[in-house]
Amino acid sequence: MATTVKYADIGKSVSDLLGRDYPVGTVKLEVTTKTPNGVSFTVNGSQDSKSGLINGELKAKYADYKNGLTVTNTWTTKNVLSAQVELENKVAKGLKLDINASLLPAAGQKAAKVGVNYKQPGVFSRATVDLLKGPSFSGDVVFGREGFLVGAEVGYDVPSGNVTRYSTAVGYSAPQYAVALHANAGMSVFAASFFHRVNPDVEVGAKATWDSKTQNAPVALELGTKYFLDKDTFVKTKIDNAGRLGLGYTQRLRAGVKVSLGGSFDTSRLNESAHKVGISLVLEN
């Protein structure tokens, strides 16, 4: 496991265990095709099982890995057009430049962001400037050594001169386990998590969250596990202290074809219609 990761990936192992492969309340379809010259096309679609609304996007991505250039264009069913240009390891080793712009023609809404990432064996830092909103600045940095991680992030509104958000995190990652502590929302929401790969077939993890600003707030606790039935199939389950039970089943039917089934069940209201199920199908060539 890499020593240094970006700030958002501190505690990623348990976040993936508890959050991914649970297509609850939706029907999802993702189709990706790739051409020999480095262009890929992805179509995403999802239907909310309650409202019936369908959202989707069409994405075209060109990657020239030799020159470190990636260009991505996206068009969504909400008529949002966006373009992203990334240039990596050309100006300097470990430096990545990112320009992202979007347009909603119907409302005349525009967005433009410029980002810089810098990664070396012991440090990963990022900075993003939103040119049209504020302008505002956001940045984070993570220092890592021998599995130990220490990071912080901050948001700053330039016109008002105010810090809009800040948080810190520490963690430790090893091949078989990982632990992390987060202090978010201006150091008012605290979270602790652990992940353990018990053996090649079994993973377990848990996360506890406490909001210090909410009076008499209980600690929110969530526990999950993942079990590989074989190399192409795994099942997942999770439960929290509110009695919500999550179940997931994912199987690779063949190369490039993966299906996931998910459900969320309120164990305190088993006789009521408080439960959700969903399915996801991913096709790649």
Protein backbone atom coordinates (compact mmCIF):
# COMPACT_ATOMS: atom_id res chain seq x y z
CA MET A 1 0.00 0.00 0.00
CA ALA A 2 1.34 3.43 -0.93
CA THR A 3 2.58 5.44 2.04
CA THR A 4 1.09 8.75 0.93
CA VAL A 5 -2.47 9.24 -0.31
CA LYS A 6 -4.67 12.25 -0.93
CA TYR A 7 -6.62 13.61 2.01
CA ALA A 8 -9.97 12.19 0.87
CA ASP A 9 -8.44 8.68 0.84
CA ILE A 10 -7.46 8.58 4.51
CA GLY A 11 -9.75 5.83 5.80
CA LYS A 12 -10.78 4.86 2.26
CA SER A 13 -10.66 1.11 2.96
CA VAL A 14 -13.49 1.22 5.47
CA SER A 15 -15.40 3.83 3.44
CA ASP A 16 -15.39 1.48 0.43
CA LEU A 17 -16.36 -1.48 2.60
CA LEU A 18 -19.38 0.34 4.06
CA GLY A 19 -20.38 2.42 1.06
CA ARG A 20 -19.64 0.66 -2.22
CA ASP A 21 -21.54 -2.18 -3.94
CA TYR A 22 -24.86 -1.31 -2.31
CA PRO A 23 -27.08 -0.12 -5.21
CA VAL A 24 -29.96 0.66 -2.85
CA GLY A 25 -33.16 2.26 -4.13
CA THR A 26 -31.99 2.58 -7.73
CA VAL A 27 -31.57 0.68 -10.95
CA LYS A 28 -28.18 1.52 -12.47
CA LEU A 29 -26.55 0.79 -15.80
CA GLU A 30 -23.00 1.67 -16.83
CA VAL A 31 -21.54 0.87 -20.24
CA THR A 32 -17.91 1.63 -21.14
CA THR A 33 -16.19 1.05 -24.47
CA LYS A 34 -12.56 1.75 -25.32
CA THR A 35 -10.92 2.35 -28.68
CA PRO A 36 -7.35 1.38 -29.62
CA ASN A 37 -6.22 5.04 -29.82
CA GLY A 38 -6.95 5.81 -26.16
CA VAL A 39 -10.54 7.13 -26.35
CA SER A 40 -13.17 5.68 -24.04
CA PHE A 41 -16.93 6.31 -23.99
CA THR A 42 -19.03 5.78 -20.87
CA VAL A 43 -22.81 5.93 -20.56
CA ASN A 44 -24.25 6.07 -17.02
CA GLY A 45 -27.92 5.82 -16.17
CA SER A 46 -29.86 5.41 -12.94
CA GLN A 47 -33.56 5.36 -12.09
CA ASP A 48 -34.80 6.19 -8.61
CA SER A 49 -37.20 3.41 -7.63
CA LYS A 50 -39.35 5.78 -5.55
CA SER A 51 -39.74 8.80 -7.83
CA GLY A 52 -39.11 7.06 -11.14
CA LEU A 53 -36.76 9.85 -12.24
CA ILE A 54 -33.93 8.84 -14.58
CA ASN A 55 -30.59 10.60 -14.56
CA GLY A 56 -27.69 9.85 -16.82
CA GLU A 57 -24.56 11.11 -18.47
CA LEU A 58 -22.46 10.53 -21.55
CA LYS A 59 -18.72 10.80 -21.04
CA ALA A 60 -15.91 10.77 -23.61
CA LYS A 61 -12.34 10.50 -22.34
CA TYR A 62 -9.08 10.72 -24.25
CA ALA A 63 -5.92 9.60 -22.47
CA ASP A 64 -2.41 10.10 -23.85
CA TYR A 65 -0.44 8.45 -21.05
CA LYS A 66 2.88 8.91 -22.83
CA ASN A 67 2.53 12.68 -22.66
CA GLY A 68 0.55 12.75 -19.40
CA LEU A 69 -2.52 14.31 -21.04
CA THR A 70 -6.14 13.42 -20.27
CA VAL A 71 -9.19 15.21 -21.72
CA THR A 72 -12.71 14.38 -20.50
CA ASN A 73 -16.00 15.75 -21.86
CA THR A 74 -19.36 15.05 -20.18
CA TRP A 75 -22.99 15.76 -21.09
CA THR A 76 -25.72 14.93 -18.58
CA THR A 77 -29.47 14.50 -18.90
CA LYS A 78 -29.82 17.75 -16.88
CA ASN A 79 -28.13 19.43 -19.88
CA VAL A 80 -24.91 20.19 -18.02
CA LEU A 81 -21.87 20.32 -20.29
CA SER A 82 -18.45 19.94 -18.69
CA ALA A 83 -14.86 19.59 -19.84
CA GLN A 84 -11.73 18.63 -17.92
CA VAL A 85 -8.10 18.80 -19.00
CA GLU A 86 -5.38 17.13 -16.92
CA LEU A 87 -1.64 17.33 -17.49
CA GLU A 88 0.57 15.15 -15.31
CA ASN A 89 4.35 14.90 -14.85
CA LYS A 90 5.16 17.31 -17.71
CA VAL A 91 5.92 20.56 -15.91
CA ALA A 92 7.64 18.71 -13.05
CA LYS A 93 7.74 15.17 -11.74
CA GLY A 94 4.82 14.54 -9.39
CA LEU A 95 2.97 17.71 -10.49
CA LYS A 96 -0.50 17.50 -12.01
CA LEU A 97 -2.44 20.44 -13.47
CA ASP A 98 -6.23 20.24 -13.71
CA ILE A 99 -8.64 22.63 -15.47
CA ASN A 100 -12.36 21.95 -15.11
CA ALA A 101 -15.23 23.98 -16.61
CA SER A 102 -18.98 23.39 -16.83
CA LEU A 103 -22.01 25.12 -18.34
CA LEU A 104 -25.77 24.83 -17.82
CA PRO A 105 -27.13 26.62 -20.93
CA ALA A 106 -30.77 26.73 -19.79
CA ALA A 107 -29.94 28.75 -16.67
CA GLY A 108 -26.76 30.40 -17.91
CA GLN A 109 -24.84 28.91 -14.98
CA LYS A 110 -21.08 28.56 -15.40
CA ALA A 111 -18.30 27.09 -13.31
CA ALA A 112 -14.54 27.09 -13.74
CA LYS A 113 -11.91 25.57 -11.48
CA VAL A 114 -8.13 25.31 -11.68
CA GLY A 115 -6.33 22.71 -9.59
CA VAL A 116 -2.77 21.67 -8.83
CA ASN A 117 -1.73 18.33 -7.31
CA TYR A 118 1.78 17.60 -6.10
CA LYS A 119 2.83 14.12 -5.03
CA GLN A 120 6.13 12.81 -3.74
CA PRO A 121 6.93 9.69 -1.67
CA GLY A 122 6.31 11.52 1.63
CA VAL A 123 3.76 14.17 0.74
CA PHE A 124 0.55 14.64 -1.28
CA SER A 125 -0.85 18.16 -1.57
CA ARG A 126 -3.72 19.63 -3.59
CA ALA A 127 -5.00 23.14 -4.22
CA THR A 128 -8.09 24.22 -6.14
CA VAL A 129 -9.33 27.70 -7.03
CA ASP A 130 -12.97 28.19 -7.99
CA LEU A 131 -12.69 31.17 -10.34
CA LEU A 132 -16.38 32.07 -10.58
CA LYS A 133 -17.69 31.22 -7.13
CA GLY A 134 -16.07 33.69 -4.77
CA PRO A 135 -13.41 33.21 -6.02
CA SER A 136 -12.72 30.60 -3.37
CA PHE A 137 -9.75 28.42 -2.50
CA SER A 138 -9.59 24.91 -1.13
CA GLY A 139 -6.52 22.87 -0.35
CA ASP A 140 -5.30 19.86 1.56
CA VAL A 141 -2.00 18.20 2.36
CA VAL A 142 -1.04 14.77 3.67
CA PHE A 143 2.34 13.73 5.06
CA GLY A 144 3.16 10.05 5.23
CA ARG A 145 5.97 7.91 6.56
CA GLU A 146 6.13 4.15 7.09
CA GLY A 147 2.34 3.80 6.98
CA PHE A 148 1.56 6.77 9.25
CA LEU A 149 -0.56 9.54 7.70
CA VAL A 150 -1.25 13.08 8.95
CA GLY A 151 -3.37 15.47 6.91
CA ALA A 152 -5.46 18.64 6.97
CA GLU A 153 -7.75 20.52 4.61
CA VAL A 154 -9.05 24.08 4.49
CA GLY A 155 -11.51 26.16 2.48
CA TYR A 156 -11.13 29.94 2.10
CA ASP A 157 -13.45 32.57 0.60
CA VAL A 158 -11.28 35.27 -0.99
CA PRO A 159 -13.73 38.27 -1.06
CA SER A 160 -14.81 37.93 2.57
CA GLY A 161 -11.46 36.70 3.83
CA ASN A 162 -13.17 33.95 5.84
CA VAL A 163 -12.15 30.34 6.37
CA THR A 164 -15.23 28.41 5.28
CA ARG A 165 -14.18 24.97 6.48
CA TYR A 166 -11.29 23.09 8.01
CA SER A 167 -10.61 19.56 9.18
CA THR A 168 -7.78 17.23 10.12
CA ALA A 169 -7.12 13.49 10.00
CA VAL A 170 -4.55 10.96 11.12
CA GLY A 171 -4.25 7.34 10.10
CA TYR A 172 -2.12 4.26 9.80
CA SER A 173 -2.20 1.79 6.91
CA ALA A 174 -0.69 -1.68 6.72
CA PRO A 175 -1.31 -4.50 4.23
CA GLN A 176 -3.76 -6.27 6.56
CA TYR A 177 -5.38 -3.39 8.44
CA ALA A 178 -5.90 0.37 8.60
CA VAL A 179 -7.15 2.83 11.22
CA ALA A 180 -8.11 6.49 10.88
CA LEU A 181 -9.32 9.41 13.02
CA HIS A 182 -11.07 12.44 11.50
CA ALA A 183 -12.09 15.80 12.94
CA ASN A 184 -14.45 17.39 10.40
CA ALA A 185 -16.82 20.38 10.09
CA GLY A 186 -14.57 22.84 11.88
CA MET A 187 -13.36 20.21 14.37
CA SER A 188 -16.90 19.56 15.59
CA VAL A 189 -17.68 16.14 14.03
CA PHE A 190 -15.34 13.33 15.05
CA ALA A 191 -15.02 9.93 13.40
CA ALA A 192 -12.94 6.86 14.13
CA SER A 193 -12.70 3.86 11.81
CA PHE A 194 -10.82 0.61 11.39
CA PHE A 195 -10.44 -1.92 8.57
CA HIS A 196 -9.09 -5.46 8.88
CA ARG A 197 -8.39 -7.95 6.13
CA VAL A 198 -8.76 -11.09 8.22
CA ASN A 199 -7.69 -13.38 5.39
CA PRO A 200 -7.88 -13.31 1.57
CA ASP A 201 -11.61 -14.11 1.74
CA VAL A 202 -12.85 -11.97 4.65
CA GLU A 203 -12.76 -8.23 5.35
CA VAL A 204 -14.33 -6.42 8.30
CA GLY A 205 -14.55 -2.77 9.29
CA ALA A 206 -16.40 -0.31 11.49
CA LYS A 207 -16.88 3.43 11.83
CA ALA A 208 -18.05 5.54 14.75
CA THR A 209 -19.14 9.20 14.34
CA TRP A 210 -20.02 11.81 16.97
CA ASP A 211 -21.35 15.33 16.36
CA SER A 212 -20.31 17.51 19.29
CA LYS A 213 -22.65 20.36 18.28
CA THR A 214 -25.80 18.25 18.57
CA GLN A 215 -27.05 18.15 22.13
CA ASN A 216 -27.22 14.64 23.61
CA ALA A 217 -26.18 13.23 20.25
CA PRO A 218 -25.48 9.49 20.38
CA VAL A 219 -22.44 8.00 18.71
CA ALA A 220 -23.41 6.66 15.28
CA LEU A 221 -21.86 3.23 14.83
CA GLU A 222 -21.72 1.16 11.65
CA LEU A 223 -20.22 -2.30 11.21
CA GLY A 224 -19.67 -4.13 7.94
CA THR A 225 -18.07 -7.21 6.44
CA LYS A 226 -17.22 -8.59 3.02
CA TYR A 227 -16.86 -12.27 2.12
CA PHE A 228 -15.53 -13.65 -1.17
CA LEU A 229 -17.42 -16.75 -2.27
CA ASP A 230 -14.92 -17.20 -5.11
CA LYS A 231 -12.65 -15.00 -7.21
CA ASP A 232 -15.65 -13.57 -9.12
CA THR A 233 -18.28 -13.32 -6.40
CA PHE A 234 -18.59 -11.63 -3.02
CA VAL A 235 -21.31 -10.74 -0.53
CA LYS A 236 -21.41 -7.76 1.80
CA THR A 237 -23.43 -6.90 4.87
CA LYS A 238 -23.54 -3.96 7.23
CA ILE A 239 -25.63 -2.77 10.15
CA ASP A 240 -25.79 0.43 12.19
CA ASN A 241 -26.99 1.33 15.66
CA ALA A 242 -30.33 2.55 14.22
CA GLY A 243 -31.12 -1.00 13.13
CA ARG A 244 -30.63 -0.46 9.39
CA LEU A 245 -29.35 -3.63 7.75
CA GLY A 246 -27.60 -3.51 4.36
CA LEU A 247 -27.04 -6.52 2.12
CA GLY A 248 -25.08 -6.67 -1.13
CA TYR A 249 -24.22 -9.33 -3.68
CA THR A 250 -21.78 -8.75 -6.55
CA GLN A 251 -20.78 -11.21 -9.26
CA ARG A 252 -18.59 -10.93 -12.33
CA LEU A 253 -20.58 -12.91 -14.88
CA ARG A 254 -17.76 -12.80 -17.42
CA ALA A 255 -14.88 -10.53 -18.37
CA GLY A 256 -16.27 -6.99 -18.50
CA VAL A 257 -19.71 -7.85 -17.10
CA LYS A 258 -20.51 -7.25 -13.43
CA VAL A 259 -23.87 -7.23 -11.66
CA SER A 260 -24.63 -6.04 -8.13
CA LEU A 261 -27.77 -6.50 -6.06
CA GLY A 262 -28.38 -4.45 -2.91
CA GLY A 263 -30.95 -3.95 -0.21
CA SER A 264 -31.48 -1.79 2.85
CA PHE A 265 -33.85 -3.04 5.55
CA ASP A 266 -35.08 -1.26 8.66
CA THR A 267 -35.09 -4.05 11.25
CA SER A 268 -37.17 -1.93 13.64
CA ARG A 269 -39.99 -1.71 11.06
CA LEU A 270 -39.96 -5.07 9.32
CA ASN A 271 -43.73 -5.04 8.72
CA GLU A 272 -43.68 -1.60 7.07
CA SER A 273 -42.67 -0.48 3.58
CA ALA A 274 -39.45 1.11 4.83
CA HIS A 275 -37.11 -1.10 2.85
CA LYS A 276 -35.23 -0.47 -0.39
CA VAL A 277 -33.67 -2.71 -3.01
CA GLY A 278 -31.70 -2.03 -6.18
CA ILE A 279 -29.57 -3.44 -8.95
CA SER A 280 -26.50 -2.29 -10.86
CA LEU A 281 -25.11 -3.62 -14.13
CA VAL A 282 -21.65 -2.63 -15.41
CA LEU A 283 -20.50 -3.50 -18.93
CA GLU A 284 -16.92 -2.88 -20.15
CA ASN A 285 -15.00 -3.99 -23.19
